Amino acid sequence: MSRVLVLNGPNLRRLGTREPDVYGAESFDDLTALCRDTGRRLDLQVEVRQTDDEAEMIAWVHEAADARLPVVLNPAAFTHYSYALRDALAQRTAPLVEVHISNPAAREEFRHTSVVAGVATGTIAGFGLMSYVLALQAVAEILAEEKPR
């Protein structure tokens, strides 16, 4: 069973109460349960974390790189300006899927640019919490393709 980190940036612990018209009514606990259940179905050990602290997020990314762990990342606001996070992600040693609940390209102009997308394996956005399910499926497929036959 492969271990995967699902890392979430600022304000995501407030899911369900923060702008439900944009982010939906499901809570962060609902997201955590969905990711863990999806992981079990895909034979992935999923660990879900959230932080509002950029330094903590970068430390988690370093941890993942050192352990060669795949990452599903919702950088939240860090998406648009954190070159420090982008530089940490560039050191990745396993698949990295950027994920967003909403579609940033359909929102305010300042959300249209992701500084982390260029170092990600891919990006999934706009499907609500299903974006995480799709990201975990992508990670599982990539890992399966990498396994020696």
C-alpha atoms as a PDB file:
ATOM      1  CA  MET A   1       0.000   0.000   0.000  1.00  0.00           C
ATOM      2  CA  SER A   2       1.505   3.326  -1.090  1.00  0.00           C
ATOM      3  CA  ARG A   3       1.377   6.305   1.230  1.00  0.00           C
ATOM      4  CA  VAL A   4       0.050   9.609  -0.173  1.00  0.00           C
ATOM      5  CA  LEU A   5      -0.053  13.013   1.477  1.00  0.00           C
ATOM      6  CA  VAL A   6      -3.091  15.200   0.783  1.00  0.00           C
ATOM      7  CA  LEU A   7      -1.964  18.697   1.742  1.00  0.00           C
ATOM      8  CA  ASN A   8      -4.321  21.647   2.066  1.00  0.00           C
ATOM      9  CA  GLY A   9      -3.461  25.315   2.399  1.00  0.00           C
ATOM     10  CA  PRO A  10      -5.059  28.340   4.038  1.00  0.00           C
ATOM     11  CA  ASN A  11      -8.702  28.432   5.077  1.00  0.00           C
ATOM     12  CA  LEU A  12      -9.554  24.929   3.892  1.00  0.00           C
ATOM     13  CA  ARG A  13     -10.320  23.768   7.435  1.00  0.00           C
ATOM     14  CA  ARG A  14     -13.266  26.202   7.180  1.00  0.00           C
ATOM     15  CA  LEU A  15     -14.970  24.220   4.426  1.00  0.00           C
ATOM     16  CA  GLY A  16     -18.712  24.122   4.912  1.00  0.00           C
ATOM     17  CA  THR A  17     -18.819  27.604   6.430  1.00  0.00           C
ATOM     18  CA  ARG A  18     -16.486  29.516   4.102  1.00  0.00           C
ATOM     19  CA  GLU A  19     -18.272  30.715   0.967  1.00  0.00           C
ATOM     20  CA  PRO A  20     -20.475  27.620   0.548  1.00  0.00           C
ATOM     21  CA  ASP A  21     -21.684  28.992  -2.793  1.00  0.00           C
ATOM     22  CA  VAL A  22     -18.096  28.583  -4.068  1.00  0.00           C
ATOM     23  CA  TYR A  23     -16.719  25.691  -1.986  1.00  0.00           C
ATOM     24  CA  GLY A  24     -19.877  23.717  -1.146  1.00  0.00           C
ATOM     25  CA  ALA A  25     -21.521  22.697   2.092  1.00  0.00           C
ATOM     26  CA  GLU A  26     -19.227  19.757   2.934  1.00  0.00           C
ATOM     27  CA  SER A  27     -16.873  20.195   5.878  1.00  0.00           C
ATOM     28  CA  PHE A  28     -13.136  19.551   6.122  1.00  0.00           C
ATOM     29  CA  ASP A  29     -13.996  16.380   8.062  1.00  0.00           C
ATOM     30  CA  ASP A  30     -16.132  15.302   5.086  1.00  0.00           C
ATOM     31  CA  LEU A  31     -13.173  15.955   2.772  1.00  0.00           C
ATOM     32  CA  THR A  32     -10.854  13.955   5.031  1.00  0.00           C
ATOM     33  CA  ALA A  33     -13.263  10.999   5.124  1.00  0.00           C
ATOM     34  CA  LEU A  34     -13.734  11.125   1.341  1.00  0.00           C
ATOM     35  CA  CYS A  35      -9.971  11.094   0.738  1.00  0.00           C
ATOM     36  CA  ARG A  36      -9.348   8.233   3.162  1.00  0.00           C
ATOM     37  CA  ASP A  37     -12.245   6.171   1.746  1.00  0.00           C
ATOM     38  CA  THR A  38     -11.035   6.794  -1.795  1.00  0.00           C
ATOM     39  CA  GLY A  39      -7.528   5.810  -0.765  1.00  0.00           C
ATOM     40  CA  ARG A  40      -8.737   2.521   0.720  1.00  0.00           C
ATOM     41  CA  ARG A  41     -10.525   1.685  -2.553  1.00  0.00           C
ATOM     42  CA  LEU A  42      -7.353   2.491  -4.503  1.00  0.00           C
ATOM     43  CA  ASP A  43      -4.986   0.684  -2.114  1.00  0.00           C
ATOM     44  CA  LEU A  44      -3.453   3.982  -0.977  1.00  0.00           C
ATOM     45  CA  GLN A  45      -2.724   4.999   2.591  1.00  0.00           C
ATOM     46  CA  VAL A  46      -3.939   8.608   2.597  1.00  0.00           C
ATOM     47  CA  GLU A  47      -2.899  11.153   5.194  1.00  0.00           C
ATOM     48  CA  VAL A  48      -4.817  14.460   5.053  1.00  0.00           C
ATOM     49  CA  ARG A  49      -3.304  17.636   6.512  1.00  0.00           C
ATOM     50  CA  GLN A  50      -4.238  21.330   6.525  1.00  0.00           C
ATOM     51  CA  THR A  51      -2.284  24.414   7.490  1.00  0.00           C
ATOM     52  CA  ASP A  52      -2.616  28.163   7.280  1.00  0.00           C
ATOM     53  CA  ASP A  53       1.171  28.460   7.718  1.00  0.00           C
ATOM     54  CA  GLU A  54       3.374  28.633   4.630  1.00  0.00           C
ATOM     55  CA  ALA A  55       6.465  27.416   6.505  1.00  0.00           C
ATOM     56  CA  GLU A  56       4.632  24.350   7.780  1.00  0.00           C
ATOM     57  CA  MET A  57       3.402  23.561   4.265  1.00  0.00           C
ATOM     58  CA  ILE A  58       6.951  23.812   2.914  1.00  0.00           C
ATOM     59  CA  ALA A  59       8.208  21.490   5.677  1.00  0.00           C
ATOM     60  CA  TRP A  60       5.559  18.924   4.677  1.00  0.00           C
ATOM     61  CA  VAL A  61       6.636  19.192   1.036  1.00  0.00           C
ATOM     62  CA  HIS A  62      10.266  18.609   2.067  1.00  0.00           C
ATOM     63  CA  GLU A  63       9.125  15.594   4.107  1.00  0.00           C
ATOM     64  CA  ALA A  64       7.329  14.202   1.047  1.00  0.00           C
ATOM     65  CA  ALA A  65      10.339  14.776  -1.214  1.00  0.00           C
ATOM     66  CA  ASP A  66      12.716  13.113   1.261  1.00  0.00           C
ATOM     67  CA  ALA A  67      10.409  10.094   1.646  1.00  0.00           C
ATOM     68  CA  ARG A  68       9.525   9.931  -2.084  1.00  0.00           C
ATOM     69  CA  LEU A  69       5.835  10.320  -1.223  1.00  0.00           C
ATOM     70  CA  PRO A  70       3.215  11.306  -3.796  1.00  0.00           C
ATOM     71  CA  VAL A  71       1.310  14.487  -2.953  1.00  0.00           C
ATOM     72  CA  VAL A  72      -2.157  15.762  -3.741  1.00  0.00           C
ATOM     73  CA  LEU A  73      -1.947  19.478  -3.025  1.00  0.00           C
ATOM     74  CA  ASN A  74      -4.581  22.158  -2.711  1.00  0.00           C
ATOM     75  CA  PRO A  75      -2.312  25.160  -2.174  1.00  0.00           C
ATOM     76  CA  ALA A  76      -5.326  27.486  -1.786  1.00  0.00           C
ATOM     77  CA  ALA A  77      -4.137  31.117  -1.727  1.00  0.00           C
ATOM     78  CA  PHE A  78      -0.500  29.957  -1.860  1.00  0.00           C
ATOM     79  CA  THR A  79      -1.294  28.939  -5.462  1.00  0.00           C
ATOM     80  CA  HIS A  80      -1.035  32.499  -6.706  1.00  0.00           C
ATOM     81  CA  TYR A  81       2.020  33.920  -4.976  1.00  0.00           C
ATOM     82  CA  SER A  82       4.140  31.451  -3.003  1.00  0.00           C
ATOM     83  CA  TYR A  83       7.387  31.121  -4.895  1.00  0.00           C
ATOM     84  CA  ALA A  84       8.857  29.518  -1.777  1.00  0.00           C
ATOM     85  CA  LEU A  85       6.266  26.726  -1.998  1.00  0.00           C
ATOM     86  CA  ARG A  86       6.856  26.427  -5.747  1.00  0.00           C
ATOM     87  CA  ASP A  87      10.601  26.042  -5.182  1.00  0.00           C
ATOM     88  CA  ALA A  88      10.006  23.358  -2.542  1.00  0.00           C
ATOM     89  CA  LEU A  89       7.636  21.511  -4.882  1.00  0.00           C
ATOM     90  CA  ALA A  90      10.246  21.611  -7.657  1.00  0.00           C
ATOM     91  CA  GLN A  91      12.288  19.218  -5.477  1.00  0.00           C
ATOM     92  CA  ARG A  92       9.569  16.560  -5.617  1.00  0.00           C
ATOM     93  CA  THR A  93      10.567  12.943  -6.063  1.00  0.00           C
ATOM     94  CA  ALA A  94       7.113  11.439  -6.703  1.00  0.00           C
ATOM     95  CA  PRO A  95       3.874  12.412  -8.437  1.00  0.00           C
ATOM     96  CA  LEU A  96       2.345  15.765  -7.491  1.00  0.00           C
ATOM     97  CA  VAL A  97      -1.243  16.627  -8.402  1.00  0.00           C
ATOM     98  CA  GLU A  98      -2.429  20.188  -7.829  1.00  0.00           C
ATOM     99  CA  VAL A  99      -6.112  20.235  -6.937  1.00  0.00           C
ATOM    100  CA  HIS A 100      -8.749  22.930  -6.505  1.00  0.00           C
ATOM    101  CA  ILE A 101     -12.363  22.649  -5.402  1.00  0.00           C
ATOM    102  CA  SER A 102     -13.465  25.585  -7.538  1.00  0.00           C
ATOM    103  CA  ASN A 103     -12.196  26.463 -11.004  1.00  0.00           C
ATOM    104  CA  PRO A 104      -9.687  29.298 -10.484  1.00  0.00           C
ATOM    105  CA  ALA A 105      -9.775  30.165 -14.206  1.00  0.00           C
ATOM    106  CA  ALA A 106     -13.490  30.980 -13.893  1.00  0.00           C
ATOM    107  CA  ARG A 107     -13.008  33.270 -10.896  1.00  0.00           C
ATOM    108  CA  GLU A 108     -11.298  36.593 -10.187  1.00  0.00           C
ATOM    109  CA  GLU A 109      -8.371  37.433 -12.452  1.00  0.00           C
ATOM    110  CA  PHE A 110      -5.784  37.230  -9.645  1.00  0.00           C
ATOM    111  CA  ARG A 111      -6.696  33.532  -9.274  1.00  0.00           C
ATOM    112  CA  HIS A 112      -5.931  32.715 -12.916  1.00  0.00           C
ATOM    113  CA  THR A 113      -2.195  32.191 -12.371  1.00  0.00           C
ATOM    114  CA  SER A 114      -0.786  29.237 -10.477  1.00  0.00           C
ATOM    115  CA  VAL A 115       2.892  29.505  -9.594  1.00  0.00           C
ATOM    116  CA  VAL A 116       2.919  25.806  -8.655  1.00  0.00           C
ATOM    117  CA  ALA A 117       1.280  24.327 -11.777  1.00  0.00           C
ATOM    118  CA  GLY A 118       4.553  24.340 -13.707  1.00  0.00           C
ATOM    119  CA  VAL A 119       6.163  21.889 -11.289  1.00  0.00           C
ATOM    120  CA  ALA A 120       3.105  19.636 -10.829  1.00  0.00           C
ATOM    121  CA  THR A 121       2.466  16.410 -12.678  1.00  0.00           C
ATOM    122  CA  GLY A 122      -1.007  17.783 -13.426  1.00  0.00           C
ATOM    123  CA  THR A 123      -3.850  19.930 -12.152  1.00  0.00           C
ATOM    124  CA  ILE A 124      -7.483  19.047 -11.456  1.00  0.00           C
ATOM    125  CA  ALA A 125      -9.906  21.868 -10.705  1.00  0.00           C
ATOM    126  CA  GLY A 126     -13.554  22.765 -10.595  1.00  0.00           C
ATOM    127  CA  PHE A 127     -15.180  19.493  -9.580  1.00  0.00           C
ATOM    128  CA  GLY A 128     -15.836  20.271  -5.922  1.00  0.00           C
ATOM    129  CA  LEU A 129     -14.561  17.634  -3.531  1.00  0.00           C
ATOM    130  CA  MET A 130     -14.613  15.199  -6.467  1.00  0.00           C
ATOM    131  CA  SER A 131     -11.414  16.973  -7.590  1.00  0.00           C
ATOM    132  CA  TYR A 132      -9.620  15.120  -4.759  1.00  0.00           C
ATOM    133  CA  VAL A 133     -11.074  11.763  -5.836  1.00  0.00           C
ATOM    134  CA  LEU A 134      -9.875  12.381  -9.398  1.00  0.00           C
ATOM    135  CA  ALA A 135      -6.443  13.428  -8.123  1.00  0.00           C
ATOM    136  CA  LEU A 136      -6.087  10.288  -5.996  1.00  0.00           C
ATOM    137  CA  GLN A 137      -7.158   8.155  -8.960  1.00  0.00           C
ATOM    138  CA  ALA A 138      -4.480   9.850 -11.064  1.00  0.00           C
ATOM    139  CA  VAL A 139      -1.832   9.167  -8.408  1.00  0.00           C
ATOM    140  CA  ALA A 140      -2.890   5.505  -8.184  1.00  0.00           C
ATOM    141  CA  GLU A 141      -2.660   5.132 -11.982  1.00  0.00           C
ATOM    142  CA  ILE A 142       0.759   6.786 -12.136  1.00  0.00           C
ATOM    143  CA  LEU A 143       2.079   4.564  -9.329  1.00  0.00           C
ATOM    144  CA  ALA A 144       0.692   1.454 -11.048  1.00  0.00           C
ATOM    145  CA  GLU A 145       2.457   2.415 -14.288  1.00  0.00           C
ATOM    146  CA  GLU A 146       5.743   2.919 -12.419  1.00  0.00           C
ATOM    147  CA  LYS A 147       5.721  -0.515 -10.776  1.00  0.00           C
ATOM    148  CA  PRO A 148       8.119  -3.020 -12.323  1.00  0.00           C
ATOM    149  CA  ARG A 149       6.330  -5.811 -14.141  1.00  0.00           C
END
